[in-house]
């Protein structure tokens, strides 16, 4: 898939993959892409429209580049799911900043609640975020990221 296939800016869509979940998130800023990527990941796991934004979690972390920062953002949210049984439906990334050649810092917030199978439709469990086919770029004024989730 070439970057010329980015059609609209703001949201996510699932792409075809043989065995795992593959999605593309788009946005007018890299922060918005991080937000939509998180939404896509949790939409893979449950119907996020049924997840109430009752509890806020703040994620501050860093990566060695944009791809590593996106990986860490999603992985940190996955750790919240695994450790605290939390699912999220609302995301706000305050900043993603390159502070040196090998350091990209970010801060984001996620709102959700404890997973309850009687309320939240269990879909597939995401085991890990991967670098397989990962891509981040900008086409015209639209940022995009493509990510494969191991299920």
C-alpha atoms as a PDB file:
ATOM      1  CA  UNK A   1       0.000   0.000   0.000  1.00  0.00           C
ATOM      2  CA  UNK A   2       1.438   3.337  -0.999  1.00  0.00           C
ATOM      3  CA  UNK A   3       0.933   6.543   0.874  1.00  0.00           C
ATOM      4  CA  UNK A   4      -1.032   7.854  -2.112  1.00  0.00           C
ATOM      5  CA  UNK A   5      -4.005   5.859  -0.822  1.00  0.00           C
ATOM      6  CA  UNK A   6      -4.703   8.262   2.066  1.00  0.00           C
ATOM      7  CA  UNK A   7      -8.148   9.560   1.100  1.00  0.00           C
ATOM      8  CA  UNK A   8      -9.595  11.547   3.987  1.00  0.00           C
ATOM      9  CA  UNK A   9      -8.140  13.210   7.030  1.00  0.00           C
ATOM     10  CA  UNK A  10      -9.398  12.375  10.514  1.00  0.00           C
ATOM     11  CA  UNK A  11     -10.413   8.886  11.532  1.00  0.00           C
ATOM     12  CA  UNK A  12      -9.372   5.309  11.002  1.00  0.00           C
ATOM     13  CA  UNK A  13     -10.149   2.396   8.739  1.00  0.00           C
ATOM     14  CA  UNK A  14      -9.264  -1.255   8.867  1.00  0.00           C
ATOM     15  CA  UNK A  15      -7.079  -2.612   6.064  1.00  0.00           C
ATOM     16  CA  UNK A  16      -6.784  -6.187   4.855  1.00  0.00           C
ATOM     17  CA  UNK A  17      -4.297  -8.479   6.558  1.00  0.00           C
ATOM     18  CA  UNK A  18      -3.981 -12.258   6.435  1.00  0.00           C
ATOM     19  CA  UNK A  19      -3.994 -12.995  10.170  1.00  0.00           C
ATOM     20  CA  UNK A  20      -3.712  -9.846  12.282  1.00  0.00           C
ATOM     21  CA  UNK A  21      -5.492  -6.490  12.491  1.00  0.00           C
ATOM     22  CA  UNK A  22      -4.146  -3.776  10.188  1.00  0.00           C
ATOM     23  CA  UNK A  23      -5.440  -0.212  10.287  1.00  0.00           C
ATOM     24  CA  UNK A  24      -4.732   3.263   9.030  1.00  0.00           C
ATOM     25  CA  UNK A  25      -5.347   6.313  11.231  1.00  0.00           C
ATOM     26  CA  UNK A  26      -5.403   9.816   9.778  1.00  0.00           C
ATOM     27  CA  UNK A  27      -5.538  13.313  11.163  1.00  0.00           C
ATOM     28  CA  UNK A  28      -4.630  16.927  10.551  1.00  0.00           C
ATOM     29  CA  UNK A  29      -1.877  16.632  13.205  1.00  0.00           C
ATOM     30  CA  UNK A  30       0.343  13.829  14.470  1.00  0.00           C
ATOM     31  CA  UNK A  31      -1.471  14.136  17.827  1.00  0.00           C
ATOM     32  CA  UNK A  32      -4.802  13.436  16.122  1.00  0.00           C
ATOM     33  CA  UNK A  33      -3.283  10.391  14.402  1.00  0.00           C
ATOM     34  CA  UNK A  34      -2.188   9.039  17.799  1.00  0.00           C
ATOM     35  CA  UNK A  35      -5.764   9.559  19.096  1.00  0.00           C
ATOM     36  CA  UNK A  36      -7.362   7.748  16.146  1.00  0.00           C
ATOM     37  CA  UNK A  37      -4.806   4.921  16.351  1.00  0.00           C
ATOM     38  CA  UNK A  38      -5.763   4.346  19.991  1.00  0.00           C
ATOM     39  CA  UNK A  39      -9.454   4.418  19.052  1.00  0.00           C
ATOM     40  CA  UNK A  40      -8.841   1.833  16.301  1.00  0.00           C
ATOM     41  CA  UNK A  41      -6.983  -0.438  18.725  1.00  0.00           C
ATOM     42  CA  UNK A  42      -9.768  -0.374  21.307  1.00  0.00           C
ATOM     43  CA  UNK A  43     -12.444  -0.687  18.609  1.00  0.00           C
ATOM     44  CA  UNK A  44     -10.690  -3.943  17.668  1.00  0.00           C
ATOM     45  CA  UNK A  45     -11.240  -5.153  21.232  1.00  0.00           C
ATOM     46  CA  UNK A  46     -14.781  -3.894  21.928  1.00  0.00           C
ATOM     47  CA  UNK A  47     -17.534  -1.540  20.762  1.00  0.00           C
ATOM     48  CA  UNK A  48     -16.088   1.725  22.091  1.00  0.00           C
ATOM     49  CA  UNK A  49     -19.489   3.460  21.819  1.00  0.00           C
ATOM     50  CA  UNK A  50     -20.511   1.436  24.905  1.00  0.00           C
ATOM     51  CA  UNK A  51     -17.436   2.422  26.939  1.00  0.00           C
ATOM     52  CA  UNK A  52     -18.189   5.302  29.288  1.00  0.00           C
ATOM     53  CA  UNK A  53     -15.334   7.801  29.832  1.00  0.00           C
ATOM     54  CA  UNK A  54     -15.506   7.483  33.626  1.00  0.00           C
ATOM     55  CA  UNK A  55     -11.823   7.257  34.546  1.00  0.00           C
ATOM     56  CA  UNK A  56      -8.913   9.215  33.141  1.00  0.00           C
ATOM     57  CA  UNK A  57      -5.445   7.775  32.614  1.00  0.00           C
ATOM     58  CA  UNK A  58      -2.502  10.024  31.725  1.00  0.00           C
ATOM     59  CA  UNK A  59       0.241   8.540  29.581  1.00  0.00           C
ATOM     60  CA  UNK A  60       3.591  10.355  29.358  1.00  0.00           C
ATOM     61  CA  UNK A  61       6.382   8.529  27.598  1.00  0.00           C
ATOM     62  CA  UNK A  62       8.941   8.814  24.838  1.00  0.00           C
ATOM     63  CA  UNK A  63      10.327   6.993  21.858  1.00  0.00           C
ATOM     64  CA  UNK A  64      13.455   7.167  19.746  1.00  0.00           C
ATOM     65  CA  UNK A  65      11.440   8.327  16.715  1.00  0.00           C
ATOM     66  CA  UNK A  66       7.800   8.890  15.690  1.00  0.00           C
ATOM     67  CA  UNK A  67       7.138   5.204  15.000  1.00  0.00           C
ATOM     68  CA  UNK A  68       8.584   4.168  18.345  1.00  0.00           C
ATOM     69  CA  UNK A  69       6.555   6.905  20.096  1.00  0.00           C
ATOM     70  CA  UNK A  70       3.338   5.666  18.451  1.00  0.00           C
ATOM     71  CA  UNK A  71       4.266   2.099  19.384  1.00  0.00           C
ATOM     72  CA  UNK A  72       4.895   3.156  23.011  1.00  0.00           C
ATOM     73  CA  UNK A  73       1.601   5.134  23.205  1.00  0.00           C
ATOM     74  CA  UNK A  74      -0.418   2.127  22.031  1.00  0.00           C
ATOM     75  CA  UNK A  75       1.611  -0.329  24.110  1.00  0.00           C
ATOM     76  CA  UNK A  76       1.191   1.832  27.247  1.00  0.00           C
ATOM     77  CA  UNK A  77      -2.584   1.815  26.698  1.00  0.00           C
ATOM     78  CA  UNK A  78      -2.495  -1.950  26.170  1.00  0.00           C
ATOM     79  CA  UNK A  79      -0.639  -2.293  29.487  1.00  0.00           C
ATOM     80  CA  UNK A  80      -3.466  -0.336  31.183  1.00  0.00           C
ATOM     81  CA  UNK A  81      -5.910  -2.809  29.650  1.00  0.00           C
ATOM     82  CA  UNK A  82      -3.881  -5.846  30.780  1.00  0.00           C
ATOM     83  CA  UNK A  83      -2.943  -4.617  34.245  1.00  0.00           C
ATOM     84  CA  UNK A  84      -6.167  -2.828  35.221  1.00  0.00           C
ATOM     85  CA  UNK A  85      -8.775  -4.368  32.889  1.00  0.00           C
ATOM     86  CA  UNK A  86      -9.437  -0.902  31.438  1.00  0.00           C
ATOM     87  CA  UNK A  87     -10.977  -0.182  28.057  1.00  0.00           C
ATOM     88  CA  UNK A  88     -11.047   3.312  26.609  1.00  0.00           C
ATOM     89  CA  UNK A  89     -13.287   5.264  24.269  1.00  0.00           C
ATOM     90  CA  UNK A  90     -11.952   8.824  24.353  1.00  0.00           C
ATOM     91  CA  UNK A  91      -8.409   9.996  23.719  1.00  0.00           C
ATOM     92  CA  UNK A  92      -6.665  13.366  23.717  1.00  0.00           C
ATOM     93  CA  UNK A  93      -2.980  13.659  22.906  1.00  0.00           C
ATOM     94  CA  UNK A  94      -1.648  16.977  24.174  1.00  0.00           C
ATOM     95  CA  UNK A  95       1.659  16.862  22.321  1.00  0.00           C
ATOM     96  CA  UNK A  96       4.070  14.735  20.331  1.00  0.00           C
ATOM     97  CA  UNK A  97       7.415  16.561  20.141  1.00  0.00           C
ATOM     98  CA  UNK A  98      10.804  15.731  18.714  1.00  0.00           C
ATOM     99  CA  UNK A  99      13.199  17.031  21.376  1.00  0.00           C
ATOM    100  CA  UNK A 100      16.430  15.597  19.936  1.00  0.00           C
ATOM    101  CA  UNK A 101      17.608  13.331  17.116  1.00  0.00           C
ATOM    102  CA  UNK A 102      16.704  10.223  19.079  1.00  0.00           C
ATOM    103  CA  UNK A 103      13.984  11.407  21.444  1.00  0.00           C
ATOM    104  CA  UNK A 104      10.291  12.037  20.749  1.00  0.00           C
ATOM    105  CA  UNK A 105       8.217  12.806  23.848  1.00  0.00           C
ATOM    106  CA  UNK A 106       4.438  12.643  24.108  1.00  0.00           C
ATOM    107  CA  UNK A 107       1.642  13.134  26.585  1.00  0.00           C
ATOM    108  CA  UNK A 108      -1.864  11.845  26.142  1.00  0.00           C
ATOM    109  CA  UNK A 109      -5.005  11.156  28.085  1.00  0.00           C
ATOM    110  CA  UNK A 110      -7.426   8.271  27.762  1.00  0.00           C
ATOM    111  CA  UNK A 111     -10.854   7.971  29.340  1.00  0.00           C
ATOM    112  CA  UNK A 112     -12.663   4.722  29.907  1.00  0.00           C
ATOM    113  CA  UNK A 113     -13.862   2.213  32.440  1.00  0.00           C
ATOM    114  CA  UNK A 114     -13.235  -1.300  33.645  1.00  0.00           C
ATOM    115  CA  UNK A 115     -14.091  -3.912  31.034  1.00  0.00           C
ATOM    116  CA  UNK A 116     -17.392  -5.631  31.787  1.00  0.00           C
ATOM    117  CA  UNK A 117     -18.352  -8.429  29.329  1.00  0.00           C
ATOM    118  CA  UNK A 118     -22.026  -7.905  30.176  1.00  0.00           C
ATOM    119  CA  UNK A 119     -21.822  -4.310  28.923  1.00  0.00           C
ATOM    120  CA  UNK A 120     -18.845  -4.282  26.561  1.00  0.00           C
ATOM    121  CA  UNK A 121     -18.953  -6.618  23.590  1.00  0.00           C
ATOM    122  CA  UNK A 122     -15.793  -8.753  23.685  1.00  0.00           C
ATOM    123  CA  UNK A 123     -14.248  -8.831  20.200  1.00  0.00           C
ATOM    124  CA  UNK A 124     -10.642  -9.956  19.735  1.00  0.00           C
ATOM    125  CA  UNK A 125      -7.871  -9.558  22.262  1.00  0.00           C
ATOM    126  CA  UNK A 126      -4.900  -7.540  21.087  1.00  0.00           C
ATOM    127  CA  UNK A 127      -1.737  -9.297  22.253  1.00  0.00           C
ATOM    128  CA  UNK A 128       0.757  -6.691  21.075  1.00  0.00           C
ATOM    129  CA  UNK A 129       1.457  -3.699  18.877  1.00  0.00           C
ATOM    130  CA  UNK A 130       3.955  -4.557  16.113  1.00  0.00           C
ATOM    131  CA  UNK A 131       6.347  -2.758  13.799  1.00  0.00           C
ATOM    132  CA  UNK A 132       5.233  -4.993  10.919  1.00  0.00           C
ATOM    133  CA  UNK A 133       4.132  -2.738   8.024  1.00  0.00           C
ATOM    134  CA  UNK A 134       4.206   0.272  10.380  1.00  0.00           C
ATOM    135  CA  UNK A 135       4.361   3.522   8.499  1.00  0.00           C
ATOM    136  CA  UNK A 136       3.940   7.178   9.479  1.00  0.00           C
ATOM    137  CA  UNK A 137       3.837   9.961   6.951  1.00  0.00           C
ATOM    138  CA  UNK A 138       2.203  13.131   5.733  1.00  0.00           C
ATOM    139  CA  UNK A 139       0.378  13.624   2.451  1.00  0.00           C
ATOM    140  CA  UNK A 140      -0.655  17.183   1.686  1.00  0.00           C
ATOM    141  CA  UNK A 141      -1.978  18.438   5.047  1.00  0.00           C
ATOM    142  CA  UNK A 142      -2.939  15.008   6.341  1.00  0.00           C
ATOM    143  CA  UNK A 143      -0.848  12.848   8.654  1.00  0.00           C
ATOM    144  CA  UNK A 144      -1.349   9.092   8.547  1.00  0.00           C
ATOM    145  CA  UNK A 145      -0.107   6.008  10.353  1.00  0.00           C
ATOM    146  CA  UNK A 146      -0.498   2.354   9.482  1.00  0.00           C
ATOM    147  CA  UNK A 147      -0.228  -0.219  12.257  1.00  0.00           C
ATOM    148  CA  UNK A 148      -0.543  -4.000  12.609  1.00  0.00           C
ATOM    149  CA  UNK A 149      -1.852  -5.393  15.893  1.00  0.00           C
ATOM    150  CA  UNK A 150      -0.987  -8.964  16.866  1.00  0.00           C
ATOM    151  CA  UNK A 151      -4.179 -10.789  17.873  1.00  0.00           C
END
